[in-house]
Amino acid sequence: MPITLVQFLKWSGAVLTGGQAKEMVHAGMVSLNGKPCLAAGQKLQLNDVVSVENQDYKLVLAD
């Protein structure tokens, strides 16, 4: 099941709300795989690395 960048930011605990996540993405404060990502609805793939406020999060499948 695909997850969007905003959903991932909320799920990971990087932000508290979807609105906060959207604001951060649109302000250019979020990177995807080392590049700024301004698309809040960007679908993430396995092994993507999301960076926000000097913290990296990697999308992996749990066993």
C-alpha atoms as a PDB file:
ATOM      1  CA  MET A   1       0.000   0.000   0.000  1.00  0.00           C
ATOM      2  CA  PRO A   2       1.545   3.328  -1.023  1.00  0.00           C
ATOM      3  CA  ILE A   3       1.958   6.048   1.568  1.00  0.00           C
ATOM      4  CA  THR A   4       2.268   9.751   0.835  1.00  0.00           C
ATOM      5  CA  LEU A   5       5.012  11.988   2.145  1.00  0.00           C
ATOM      6  CA  VAL A   6       2.587  13.807   4.462  1.00  0.00           C
ATOM      7  CA  GLN A   7       1.171  10.536   5.815  1.00  0.00           C
ATOM      8  CA  PHE A   8       4.681   9.251   6.444  1.00  0.00           C
ATOM      9  CA  LEU A   9       5.737  12.403   8.287  1.00  0.00           C
ATOM     10  CA  LYS A  10       2.719  12.053  10.569  1.00  0.00           C
ATOM     11  CA  TRP A  11       3.148   8.295  11.068  1.00  0.00           C
ATOM     12  CA  SER A  12       6.865   8.599  11.837  1.00  0.00           C
ATOM     13  CA  GLY A  13       6.235  11.234  14.500  1.00  0.00           C
ATOM     14  CA  ALA A  14       8.294  13.855  12.662  1.00  0.00           C
ATOM     15  CA  VAL A  15       5.231  16.140  12.888  1.00  0.00           C
ATOM     16  CA  LEU A  16       2.053  16.133  14.940  1.00  0.00           C
ATOM     17  CA  THR A  17      -0.523  16.965  12.259  1.00  0.00           C
ATOM     18  CA  GLY A  18      -1.048  16.641   8.536  1.00  0.00           C
ATOM     19  CA  GLY A  19      -1.383  20.409   8.300  1.00  0.00           C
ATOM     20  CA  GLN A  20       2.010  20.879   9.912  1.00  0.00           C
ATOM     21  CA  ALA A  21       3.485  18.320   7.503  1.00  0.00           C
ATOM     22  CA  LYS A  22       2.037  20.114   4.469  1.00  0.00           C
ATOM     23  CA  GLU A  23       3.378  23.458   5.671  1.00  0.00           C
ATOM     24  CA  MET A  24       6.873  22.013   6.130  1.00  0.00           C
ATOM     25  CA  VAL A  25       6.832  20.344   2.706  1.00  0.00           C
ATOM     26  CA  HIS A  26       5.597  23.482   0.928  1.00  0.00           C
ATOM     27  CA  ALA A  27       8.230  25.576   2.766  1.00  0.00           C
ATOM     28  CA  GLY A  28      10.993  23.325   1.385  1.00  0.00           C
ATOM     29  CA  MET A  29      11.932  21.928   4.793  1.00  0.00           C
ATOM     30  CA  VAL A  30      11.626  18.277   3.717  1.00  0.00           C
ATOM     31  CA  SER A  31      13.969  16.297   1.472  1.00  0.00           C
ATOM     32  CA  LEU A  32      13.336  12.994  -0.266  1.00  0.00           C
ATOM     33  CA  ASN A  33      16.406  10.939  -1.098  1.00  0.00           C
ATOM     34  CA  GLY A  34      18.655  13.958  -0.626  1.00  0.00           C
ATOM     35  CA  LYS A  35      16.639  16.382  -2.776  1.00  0.00           C
ATOM     36  CA  PRO A  36      14.073  18.958  -1.649  1.00  0.00           C
ATOM     37  CA  CYS A  37      10.527  17.697  -2.179  1.00  0.00           C
ATOM     38  CA  LEU A  38       7.679  20.197  -2.483  1.00  0.00           C
ATOM     39  CA  ALA A  39       4.980  17.630  -3.321  1.00  0.00           C
ATOM     40  CA  ALA A  40       2.999  16.818  -0.180  1.00  0.00           C
ATOM     41  CA  GLY A  41       1.186  13.998  -1.993  1.00  0.00           C
ATOM     42  CA  GLN A  42       4.407  12.390  -3.260  1.00  0.00           C
ATOM     43  CA  LYS A  43       4.064   8.594  -3.041  1.00  0.00           C
ATOM     44  CA  LEU A  44       6.967   6.942  -1.233  1.00  0.00           C
ATOM     45  CA  GLN A  45       8.700   3.724  -2.245  1.00  0.00           C
ATOM     46  CA  LEU A  46      10.566   1.180  -0.136  1.00  0.00           C
ATOM     47  CA  ASN A  47      14.002   2.409   0.955  1.00  0.00           C
ATOM     48  CA  ASP A  48      13.167   6.075   0.334  1.00  0.00           C
ATOM     49  CA  VAL A  49      14.894   8.368   2.828  1.00  0.00           C
ATOM     50  CA  VAL A  50      12.917  11.343   4.120  1.00  0.00           C
ATOM     51  CA  SER A  51      14.884  14.097   5.874  1.00  0.00           C
ATOM     52  CA  VAL A  52      13.338  16.771   8.069  1.00  0.00           C
ATOM     53  CA  GLU A  53      15.030  19.021  10.629  1.00  0.00           C
ATOM     54  CA  ASN A  54      18.371  17.146  10.465  1.00  0.00           C
ATOM     55  CA  GLN A  55      16.645  13.818  11.085  1.00  0.00           C
ATOM     56  CA  ASP A  56      16.554  11.000   8.507  1.00  0.00           C
ATOM     57  CA  TYR A  57      13.740   8.456   8.236  1.00  0.00           C
ATOM     58  CA  LYS A  58      13.935   5.400   5.958  1.00  0.00           C
ATOM     59  CA  LEU A  59      10.846   3.623   4.668  1.00  0.00           C
ATOM     60  CA  VAL A  60      11.280  -0.128   5.206  1.00  0.00           C
ATOM     61  CA  LEU A  61       8.978  -3.131   5.560  1.00  0.00           C
ATOM     62  CA  ALA A  62       8.736  -4.661   9.013  1.00  0.00           C
ATOM     63  CA  ASP A  63       8.788  -8.456   9.337  1.00  0.00           C
END
